Amino acid sequence: MHAKIAEVLSGVYKIPLPLPMRPSLVNVYLIDCGQALALVDTGINTPQSLKTLETALRTVDRRVEDLDAIIVTHYHVDHFGASEPLRERSGARVYIHREDAVRARRMTVLAATPITERPESLNFFAMHGFPLERYPADTMRPSWMGTDGYRPVLEPDEFLSDGAGLKI
């Protein structure tokens, strides 16, 4: 995918990153804070998404290694999936709301456990009349689940609070 980057406000850049699902793009934002560089959301952890981010950053003379902060809006794979590899490369501090960090941990546990070994999931399908005899339970999960596409930071550097400011 061709990398695009658009300055939407002075020092604030929108970067569309590719997704291997629908929707096919997610927007992340690079914020030049003067003495620090922040990335809001990370995209999914795929080679194509990371390469697109790297290319976009180069167009404004920046690199992943220049990031000081990663600010996560929520735990979904397309917004938080590449946070761990990006933190490893940059040393950036990761900020996320405590409840989303809990959800990210839960998603990694769910991803590591086949649905057929989760009675609560099978009971949920049965309780709601889902025809498991027609659609096997092991096909009832997103295509990225259980892959390297979701490598979230499970121990953020700081939790965000509703309405609180952030000093980077």
N, C-alpha and C. Protein backbone atom coordinates (compact mmCIF):
# COMPACT_ATOMS: atom_id res chain seq x y z
N MET A 1 0.84 -1.18 0.00
CA MET A 1 0.00 0.00 0.00
C MET A 1 0.88 1.24 0.00
N HIS A 2 0.48 2.21 -0.76
CA HIS A 2 1.19 3.48 -0.82
C HIS A 2 0.92 4.26 0.47
N ALA A 3 1.95 4.75 1.10
CA ALA A 3 1.80 5.48 2.35
C ALA A 3 1.33 6.90 2.07
N LYS A 4 0.33 7.31 2.83
CA LYS A 4 -0.18 8.67 2.74
C LYS A 4 -0.08 9.28 4.13
N ILE A 5 0.14 10.56 4.15
CA ILE A 5 0.15 11.28 5.42
C ILE A 5 -0.37 12.67 5.11
N ALA A 6 -1.25 13.17 5.96
CA ALA A 6 -1.82 14.50 5.73
C ALA A 6 -1.78 15.29 7.03
N GLU A 7 -1.26 16.51 6.94
CA GLU A 7 -1.26 17.37 8.12
C GLU A 7 -2.66 17.96 8.26
N VAL A 8 -3.39 17.57 9.30
CA VAL A 8 -4.76 18.02 9.48
C VAL A 8 -4.86 19.27 10.36
N LEU A 9 -3.88 19.49 11.19
CA LEU A 9 -3.67 20.69 12.00
C LEU A 9 -2.17 20.88 12.09
N SER A 10 -1.74 22.03 12.49
CA SER A 10 -0.31 22.25 12.60
C SER A 10 0.31 21.22 13.56
N GLY A 11 1.20 20.38 13.04
CA GLY A 11 1.88 19.39 13.87
C GLY A 11 1.08 18.12 14.13
N VAL A 12 -0.11 18.00 13.53
CA VAL A 12 -0.94 16.81 13.71
C VAL A 12 -1.15 16.17 12.34
N TYR A 13 -0.72 14.91 12.20
CA TYR A 13 -0.74 14.22 10.92
C TYR A 13 -1.63 12.98 10.98
N LYS A 14 -2.49 12.84 10.00
CA LYS A 14 -3.33 11.64 9.87
C LYS A 14 -2.62 10.66 8.93
N ILE A 15 -2.52 9.41 9.40
CA ILE A 15 -1.86 8.36 8.61
C ILE A 15 -2.82 7.18 8.48
N PRO A 16 -3.36 6.93 7.29
CA PRO A 16 -4.19 5.73 7.10
C PRO A 16 -3.32 4.49 6.95
N LEU A 17 -3.63 3.47 7.73
CA LEU A 17 -2.88 2.21 7.68
C LEU A 17 -3.79 1.09 7.19
N PRO A 18 -3.24 0.16 6.41
CA PRO A 18 -4.05 -0.92 5.86
C PRO A 18 -4.43 -1.97 6.91
N LEU A 19 -5.60 -2.54 6.71
CA LEU A 19 -6.08 -3.64 7.55
C LEU A 19 -6.38 -4.84 6.66
N PRO A 20 -6.15 -6.04 7.15
CA PRO A 20 -6.44 -7.24 6.35
C PRO A 20 -7.90 -7.69 6.50
N MET A 21 -8.81 -6.76 6.74
CA MET A 21 -10.22 -7.06 6.98
C MET A 21 -11.01 -5.79 6.67
N ARG A 22 -12.30 -5.85 6.88
CA ARG A 22 -13.12 -4.65 6.72
C ARG A 22 -13.40 -4.06 8.08
N PRO A 23 -13.30 -2.77 8.24
CA PRO A 23 -12.87 -1.82 7.22
C PRO A 23 -11.42 -2.09 6.81
N SER A 24 -11.05 -1.60 5.66
CA SER A 24 -9.73 -1.92 5.12
C SER A 24 -8.65 -0.92 5.53
N LEU A 25 -9.04 0.14 6.23
CA LEU A 25 -8.08 1.15 6.71
C LEU A 25 -8.43 1.56 8.13
N VAL A 26 -7.42 1.98 8.85
CA VAL A 26 -7.61 2.64 10.14
C VAL A 26 -6.72 3.88 10.13
N ASN A 27 -7.22 4.97 10.67
CA ASN A 27 -6.42 6.18 10.76
C ASN A 27 -5.72 6.23 12.11
N VAL A 28 -4.42 6.48 12.07
CA VAL A 28 -3.66 6.76 13.28
C VAL A 28 -3.16 8.20 13.14
N TYR A 29 -2.73 8.78 14.24
CA TYR A 29 -2.34 10.19 14.20
C TYR A 29 -0.97 10.38 14.85
N LEU A 30 -0.14 11.12 14.17
CA LEU A 30 1.17 11.51 14.68
C LEU A 30 1.06 12.94 15.16
N ILE A 31 1.49 13.19 16.39
CA ILE A 31 1.42 14.54 16.96
C ILE A 31 2.83 14.98 17.34
N ASP A 32 3.26 16.07 16.72
CA ASP A 32 4.54 16.68 17.05
C ASP A 32 4.29 17.65 18.19
N CYS A 33 4.72 17.27 19.37
CA CYS A 33 4.48 18.07 20.58
C CYS A 33 5.63 19.04 20.86
N GLY A 34 6.48 19.28 19.89
CA GLY A 34 7.63 20.16 20.08
C GLY A 34 8.82 19.37 20.56
N GLN A 35 8.85 19.05 21.84
CA GLN A 35 9.96 18.29 22.41
C GLN A 35 9.70 16.79 22.42
N ALA A 36 8.50 16.36 22.00
CA ALA A 36 8.16 14.94 22.01
C ALA A 36 7.29 14.61 20.79
N LEU A 37 7.28 13.34 20.46
CA LEU A 37 6.51 12.86 19.32
C LEU A 37 5.58 11.75 19.82
N ALA A 38 4.29 11.92 19.56
CA ALA A 38 3.30 10.96 20.03
C ALA A 38 2.56 10.34 18.85
N LEU A 39 2.26 9.05 18.97
CA LEU A 39 1.44 8.34 18.00
C LEU A 39 0.15 7.95 18.69
N VAL A 40 -0.97 8.36 18.13
CA VAL A 40 -2.28 7.98 18.67
C VAL A 40 -2.77 6.79 17.86
N ASP A 41 -2.84 5.65 18.50
CA ASP A 41 -3.19 4.35 17.93
C ASP A 41 -2.04 3.82 17.08
N THR A 42 -2.07 2.52 16.80
CA THR A 42 -0.91 1.88 16.17
C THR A 42 -1.21 1.09 14.91
N GLY A 43 -2.46 0.79 14.65
CA GLY A 43 -2.78 -0.13 13.58
C GLY A 43 -2.55 -1.56 14.05
N ILE A 44 -2.80 -2.49 13.14
CA ILE A 44 -2.62 -3.91 13.42
C ILE A 44 -1.15 -4.28 13.19
N ASN A 45 -0.71 -5.33 13.82
CA ASN A 45 0.68 -5.75 13.69
C ASN A 45 0.85 -6.67 12.49
N THR A 46 0.92 -6.07 11.31
CA THR A 46 1.22 -6.83 10.09
C THR A 46 2.40 -6.15 9.40
N PRO A 47 3.17 -6.89 8.62
CA PRO A 47 4.27 -6.26 7.90
C PRO A 47 3.82 -5.10 7.01
N GLN A 48 2.68 -5.26 6.34
CA GLN A 48 2.19 -4.20 5.46
C GLN A 48 1.84 -2.93 6.23
N SER A 49 1.18 -3.08 7.37
CA SER A 49 0.81 -1.91 8.17
C SER A 49 2.06 -1.21 8.72
N LEU A 50 3.00 -1.99 9.25
CA LEU A 50 4.22 -1.39 9.81
C LEU A 50 5.05 -0.70 8.73
N LYS A 51 5.14 -1.31 7.56
CA LYS A 51 5.89 -0.68 6.46
C LYS A 51 5.21 0.62 6.02
N THR A 52 3.89 0.62 5.97
CA THR A 52 3.16 1.83 5.59
C THR A 52 3.41 2.93 6.61
N LEU A 53 3.40 2.60 7.89
CA LEU A 53 3.68 3.58 8.94
C LEU A 53 5.10 4.12 8.79
N GLU A 54 6.06 3.24 8.61
CA GLU A 54 7.46 3.67 8.45
C GLU A 54 7.62 4.62 7.26
N THR A 55 7.00 4.27 6.14
CA THR A 55 7.09 5.11 4.94
C THR A 55 6.45 6.47 5.18
N ALA A 56 5.29 6.49 5.82
CA ALA A 56 4.61 7.75 6.11
C ALA A 56 5.46 8.62 7.03
N LEU A 57 6.05 8.03 8.05
CA LEU A 57 6.90 8.79 8.98
C LEU A 57 8.10 9.40 8.25
N ARG A 58 8.68 8.65 7.33
CA ARG A 58 9.84 9.16 6.58
C ARG A 58 9.49 10.41 5.78
N THR A 59 8.24 10.52 5.33
CA THR A 59 7.87 11.70 4.53
C THR A 59 7.89 12.99 5.36
N VAL A 60 7.86 12.85 6.69
CA VAL A 60 7.99 14.03 7.56
C VAL A 60 9.29 13.95 8.36
N ASP A 61 10.27 13.24 7.80
CA ASP A 61 11.60 13.10 8.40
C ASP A 61 11.58 12.55 9.82
N ARG A 62 10.74 11.55 10.03
CA ARG A 62 10.65 10.87 11.33
C ARG A 62 10.78 9.38 11.13
N ARG A 63 11.06 8.68 12.24
CA ARG A 63 11.17 7.23 12.24
C ARG A 63 10.40 6.67 13.44
N VAL A 64 10.09 5.40 13.39
CA VAL A 64 9.45 4.76 14.53
C VAL A 64 10.28 4.98 15.79
N GLU A 65 11.59 4.90 15.64
CA GLU A 65 12.49 5.06 16.79
C GLU A 65 12.41 6.45 17.42
N ASP A 66 11.80 7.43 16.74
CA ASP A 66 11.67 8.79 17.27
C ASP A 66 10.47 8.95 18.20
N LEU A 67 9.59 7.95 18.25
CA LEU A 67 8.37 8.07 19.06
C LEU A 67 8.69 8.12 20.54
N ASP A 68 8.05 9.05 21.23
CA ASP A 68 8.19 9.17 22.68
C ASP A 68 6.99 8.60 23.42
N ALA A 69 5.83 8.63 22.76
CA ALA A 69 4.60 8.19 23.41
C ALA A 69 3.70 7.49 22.39
N ILE A 70 3.01 6.46 22.87
CA ILE A 70 1.95 5.80 22.12
C ILE A 70 0.71 5.92 22.98
N ILE A 71 -0.28 6.61 22.43
CA ILE A 71 -1.53 6.85 23.14
C ILE A 71 -2.61 6.01 22.45
N VAL A 72 -3.27 5.17 23.22
CA VAL A 72 -4.22 4.24 22.64
C VAL A 72 -5.64 4.65 22.96
N THR A 73 -6.47 4.74 21.92
CA THR A 73 -7.87 5.14 22.13
C THR A 73 -8.70 4.00 22.69
N HIS A 74 -8.42 2.76 22.26
CA HIS A 74 -9.11 1.59 22.80
C HIS A 74 -8.39 0.32 22.36
N TYR A 75 -8.81 -0.81 22.92
CA TYR A 75 -8.06 -2.06 22.82
C TYR A 75 -8.21 -2.84 21.53
N HIS A 76 -9.05 -2.44 20.61
CA HIS A 76 -9.28 -3.22 19.39
C HIS A 76 -7.98 -3.45 18.61
N VAL A 77 -7.94 -4.56 17.89
CA VAL A 77 -6.75 -4.97 17.15
C VAL A 77 -6.24 -3.89 16.20
N ASP A 78 -7.17 -3.17 15.55
CA ASP A 78 -6.75 -2.16 14.57
C ASP A 78 -6.24 -0.88 15.22
N HIS A 79 -6.46 -0.71 16.51
CA HIS A 79 -6.00 0.48 17.21
C HIS A 79 -4.84 0.21 18.18
N PHE A 80 -4.65 -1.04 18.57
CA PHE A 80 -3.69 -1.36 19.62
C PHE A 80 -2.81 -2.56 19.26
N GLY A 81 -3.06 -3.18 18.11
CA GLY A 81 -2.40 -4.44 17.76
C GLY A 81 -0.90 -4.39 17.61
N ALA A 82 -0.36 -3.26 17.19
CA ALA A 82 1.09 -3.17 16.98
C ALA A 82 1.80 -2.42 18.10
N SER A 83 1.14 -2.23 19.22
CA SER A 83 1.73 -1.41 20.28
C SER A 83 3.00 -2.01 20.88
N GLU A 84 3.04 -3.32 21.08
CA GLU A 84 4.23 -3.92 21.68
C GLU A 84 5.44 -3.83 20.74
N PRO A 85 5.33 -4.22 19.46
CA PRO A 85 6.50 -4.08 18.58
C PRO A 85 6.95 -2.62 18.43
N LEU A 86 6.00 -1.69 18.39
CA LEU A 86 6.38 -0.28 18.26
C LEU A 86 7.07 0.22 19.52
N ARG A 87 6.61 -0.22 20.69
CA ARG A 87 7.28 0.18 21.93
C ARG A 87 8.67 -0.44 22.00
N GLU A 88 8.80 -1.70 21.57
CA GLU A 88 10.12 -2.36 21.57
C GLU A 88 11.11 -1.58 20.72
N ARG A 89 10.68 -1.12 19.57
CA ARG A 89 11.57 -0.40 18.65
C ARG A 89 11.88 1.01 19.11
N SER A 90 10.91 1.67 19.72
CA SER A 90 11.07 3.10 20.01
C SER A 90 11.40 3.41 21.46
N GLY A 91 11.01 2.53 22.36
CA GLY A 91 11.14 2.84 23.78
C GLY A 91 10.06 3.81 24.24
N ALA A 92 9.06 4.06 23.42
CA ALA A 92 7.99 5.00 23.75
C ALA A 92 7.19 4.52 24.95
N ARG A 93 6.71 5.47 25.73
CA ARG A 93 5.80 5.16 26.83
C ARG A 93 4.42 4.90 26.25
N VAL A 94 3.71 3.92 26.80
CA VAL A 94 2.38 3.56 26.30
C VAL A 94 1.33 3.97 27.32
N TYR A 95 0.31 4.67 26.81
CA TYR A 95 -0.79 5.18 27.63
C TYR A 95 -2.10 4.57 27.14
N ILE A 96 -2.89 4.02 28.05
CA ILE A 96 -4.19 3.45 27.72
C ILE A 96 -5.07 3.51 28.96
N HIS A 97 -6.36 3.54 28.74
CA HIS A 97 -7.30 3.52 29.86
C HIS A 97 -7.22 2.14 30.54
N ARG A 98 -7.33 2.13 31.83
CA ARG A 98 -7.22 0.89 32.61
C ARG A 98 -8.21 -0.18 32.13
N GLU A 99 -9.45 0.21 31.85
CA GLU A 99 -10.45 -0.77 31.41
C GLU A 99 -10.08 -1.38 30.06
N ASP A 100 -9.49 -0.59 29.18
CA ASP A 100 -9.07 -1.13 27.89
C ASP A 100 -7.87 -2.05 28.04
N ALA A 101 -7.00 -1.79 29.00
CA ALA A 101 -5.88 -2.68 29.26
C ALA A 101 -6.39 -4.04 29.74
N VAL A 102 -7.42 -4.03 30.58
CA VAL A 102 -8.03 -5.28 31.05
C VAL A 102 -8.64 -6.04 29.87
N ARG A 103 -9.32 -5.32 28.99
CA ARG A 103 -9.93 -5.96 27.82
C ARG A 103 -8.85 -6.54 26.89
N ALA A 104 -7.73 -5.85 26.74
CA ALA A 104 -6.64 -6.36 25.90
C ALA A 104 -6.09 -7.66 26.47
N ARG A 105 -5.91 -7.72 27.78
CA ARG A 105 -5.43 -8.94 28.41
C ARG A 105 -6.42 -10.08 28.16
N ARG A 106 -7.70 -9.78 28.30
CA ARG A 106 -8.74 -10.79 28.08
C ARG A 106 -8.70 -11.29 26.64
N MET A 107 -8.53 -10.39 25.68
CA MET A 107 -8.47 -10.79 24.28
C MET A 107 -7.28 -11.71 24.01
N THR A 108 -6.16 -11.46 24.64
CA THR A 108 -5.00 -12.33 24.41
C THR A 108 -5.24 -13.72 25.00
N VAL A 109 -5.94 -13.79 26.13
CA VAL A 109 -6.28 -15.09 26.70
C VAL A 109 -7.26 -15.82 25.79
N LEU A 110 -8.29 -15.11 25.32
CA LEU A 110 -9.26 -15.72 24.41
C LEU A 110 -8.59 -16.20 23.13
N ALA A 111 -7.67 -15.42 22.63
CA ALA A 111 -6.97 -15.79 21.39
C ALA A 111 -6.13 -17.04 21.56
N ALA A 112 -5.63 -17.26 22.76
CA ALA A 112 -4.76 -18.41 23.01
C ALA A 112 -5.55 -19.68 23.35
N THR A 113 -6.86 -19.55 23.54
CA THR A 113 -7.68 -20.70 23.92
C THR A 113 -8.69 -21.00 22.82
N PRO A 114 -8.62 -22.17 22.21
CA PRO A 114 -9.59 -22.50 21.17
C PRO A 114 -11.02 -22.40 21.71
N ILE A 115 -11.91 -21.94 20.88
CA ILE A 115 -13.30 -21.74 21.30
C ILE A 115 -13.94 -23.04 21.77
N THR A 116 -13.52 -24.14 21.21
CA THR A 116 -14.08 -25.44 21.61
C THR A 116 -13.66 -25.83 23.02
N GLU A 117 -12.69 -25.12 23.60
CA GLU A 117 -12.25 -25.36 24.97
C GLU A 117 -12.78 -24.30 25.93
N ARG A 118 -13.73 -23.49 25.45
CA ARG A 118 -14.32 -22.44 26.29
C ARG A 118 -15.82 -22.71 26.44
N PRO A 119 -16.21 -23.46 27.45
CA PRO A 119 -17.62 -23.80 27.62
C PRO A 119 -18.55 -22.58 27.66
N GLU A 120 -18.07 -21.47 28.21
CA GLU A 120 -18.92 -20.27 28.28
C GLU A 120 -19.27 -19.75 26.90
N SER A 121 -18.36 -19.88 25.94
CA SER A 121 -18.64 -19.45 24.57
C SER A 121 -19.62 -20.40 23.90
N LEU A 122 -19.40 -21.69 24.06
CA LEU A 122 -20.32 -22.67 23.48
C LEU A 122 -21.72 -22.53 24.08
N ASN A 123 -21.79 -22.28 25.39
CA ASN A 123 -23.09 -22.07 26.03
C ASN A 123 -23.76 -20.80 25.51
N PHE A 124 -22.99 -19.77 25.26
CA PHE A 124 -23.53 -18.52 24.72
C PHE A 124 -24.18 -18.78 23.36
N PHE A 125 -23.46 -19.48 22.48
CA PHE A 125 -24.02 -19.79 21.16
C PHE A 125 -25.30 -20.60 21.29
N ALA A 126 -25.27 -21.64 22.11
CA ALA A 126 -26.44 -22.50 22.29
C ALA A 126 -27.63 -21.74 22.87
N MET A 127 -27.36 -20.89 23.88
CA MET A 127 -28.42 -20.13 24.54
C MET A 127 -29.14 -19.19 23.56
N HIS A 128 -28.41 -18.71 22.56
CA HIS A 128 -28.98 -17.77 21.61
C HIS A 128 -29.41 -18.44 20.31
N GLY A 129 -29.45 -19.77 20.31
CA GLY A 129 -29.97 -20.51 19.16
C GLY A 129 -29.07 -20.55 17.95
N PHE A 130 -27.79 -20.30 18.15
CA PHE A 130 -26.87 -20.35 17.01
C PHE A 130 -26.70 -21.80 16.56
N PRO A 131 -26.86 -22.10 15.27
CA PRO A 131 -26.80 -23.49 14.79
C PRO A 131 -25.37 -24.02 14.67
N LEU A 132 -24.81 -24.46 15.79
CA LEU A 132 -23.44 -24.97 15.79
C LEU A 132 -23.28 -26.21 14.91
N GLU A 133 -24.37 -26.92 14.66
CA GLU A 133 -24.28 -28.09 13.79
C GLU A 133 -24.03 -27.68 12.33
N ARG A 134 -24.42 -26.46 11.96
CA ARG A 134 -24.19 -25.95 10.60
C ARG A 134 -22.90 -25.16 10.49
N TYR A 135 -22.53 -24.48 11.56
CA TYR A 135 -21.35 -23.61 11.55
C TYR A 135 -20.47 -24.00 12.74
N PRO A 136 -19.41 -24.72 12.50
CA PRO A 136 -18.57 -25.20 13.61
C PRO A 136 -18.05 -24.03 14.47
N ALA A 137 -18.05 -24.27 15.76
CA ALA A 137 -17.63 -23.23 16.71
C ALA A 137 -16.20 -22.76 16.46
N ASP A 138 -15.33 -23.66 15.99
CA ASP A 138 -13.94 -23.25 15.81
C ASP A 138 -13.76 -22.26 14.65
N THR A 139 -14.82 -21.98 13.90
CA THR A 139 -14.75 -20.95 12.85
C THR A 139 -15.34 -19.63 13.31
N MET A 140 -15.80 -19.57 14.54
CA MET A 140 -16.46 -18.38 15.07
C MET A 140 -15.49 -17.46 15.80
N ARG A 141 -14.50 -16.99 15.10
CA ARG A 141 -13.57 -16.03 15.68
C ARG A 141 -12.97 -15.21 14.55
N PRO A 142 -12.57 -14.00 14.85
CA PRO A 142 -11.97 -13.16 13.81
C PRO A 142 -10.71 -13.80 13.23
N SER A 143 -10.44 -13.52 11.97
CA SER A 143 -9.29 -14.13 11.28
C SER A 143 -7.95 -13.77 11.93
N TRP A 144 -7.86 -12.62 12.55
CA TRP A 144 -6.60 -12.19 13.16
C TRP A 144 -6.37 -12.82 14.53
N MET A 145 -7.45 -13.34 15.14
CA MET A 145 -7.35 -13.84 16.50
C MET A 145 -6.43 -15.06 16.55
N GLY A 146 -5.50 -15.06 17.47
CA GLY A 146 -4.54 -16.15 17.58
C GLY A 146 -3.35 -16.00 16.65
N THR A 147 -3.25 -14.85 15.99
CA THR A 147 -2.11 -14.58 15.11
C THR A 147 -1.23 -13.51 15.76
N ASP A 148 -0.15 -13.19 15.10
CA ASP A 148 0.76 -12.15 15.59
C ASP A 148 0.21 -10.74 15.31
N GLY A 149 -0.97 -10.65 14.65
CA GLY A 149 -1.56 -9.36 14.34
C GLY A 149 -1.94 -8.56 15.57
N TYR A 150 -2.16 -9.25 16.68
CA TYR A 150 -2.53 -8.57 17.93
C TYR A 150 -1.44 -8.80 18.95
N ARG A 151 -0.52 -7.82 19.03
CA ARG A 151 0.56 -7.87 20.01
C ARG A 151 0.50 -6.60 20.85
N PRO A 152 -0.53 -6.52 21.70
CA PRO A 152 -0.69 -5.31 22.50
C PRO A 152 0.27 -5.28 23.69
N VAL A 153 0.56 -4.08 24.13
CA VAL A 153 1.30 -3.90 25.38
C VAL A 153 0.36 -4.32 26.51
N LEU A 154 0.76 -5.30 27.28
CA LEU A 154 -0.09 -5.77 28.38
C LEU A 154 0.23 -5.08 29.70
N GLU A 155 1.36 -4.42 29.75
CA GLU A 155 1.73 -3.63 30.94
C GLU A 155 2.06 -2.22 30.47
N PRO A 156 1.03 -1.35 30.36
CA PRO A 156 1.29 0.02 29.90
C PRO A 156 2.12 0.79 30.91
N ASP A 157 2.69 1.88 30.44
CA ASP A 157 3.50 2.72 31.33
C ASP A 157 2.63 3.60 32.22
N GLU A 158 1.46 3.95 31.71
CA GLU A 158 0.57 4.81 32.48
C GLU A 158 -0.86 4.61 32.01
N PHE A 159 -1.77 4.65 32.98
CA PHE A 159 -3.19 4.53 32.64
C PHE A 159 -3.78 5.91 32.44
N LEU A 160 -4.63 6.01 31.43
CA LEU A 160 -5.35 7.25 31.17
C LEU A 160 -6.63 7.26 32.00
N SER A 161 -7.08 8.43 32.38
CA SER A 161 -8.32 8.59 33.12
C SER A 161 -9.25 9.48 32.33
N ASP A 162 -10.53 9.22 32.44
CA ASP A 162 -11.52 10.04 31.74
C ASP A 162 -11.35 11.50 32.10
N GLY A 163 -11.24 12.34 31.11
CA GLY A 163 -11.15 13.78 31.30
C GLY A 163 -9.80 14.31 31.75
N ALA A 164 -8.84 13.43 32.01
CA ALA A 164 -7.53 13.88 32.49
C ALA A 164 -6.66 14.33 31.33
N GLY A 165 -5.77 15.28 31.60
CA GLY A 165 -4.80 15.72 30.61
C GLY A 165 -3.60 14.78 30.59
N LEU A 166 -2.77 14.95 29.60
CA LEU A 166 -1.59 14.10 29.45
C LEU A 166 -0.40 14.98 29.13
N LYS A 167 0.64 14.85 29.92
CA LYS A 167 1.88 15.60 29.67
C LYS A 167 2.93 14.61 29.21
N ILE A 168 3.44 14.86 27.99
CA ILE A 168 4.43 13.94 27.41
C ILE A 168 5.81 14.57 27.50
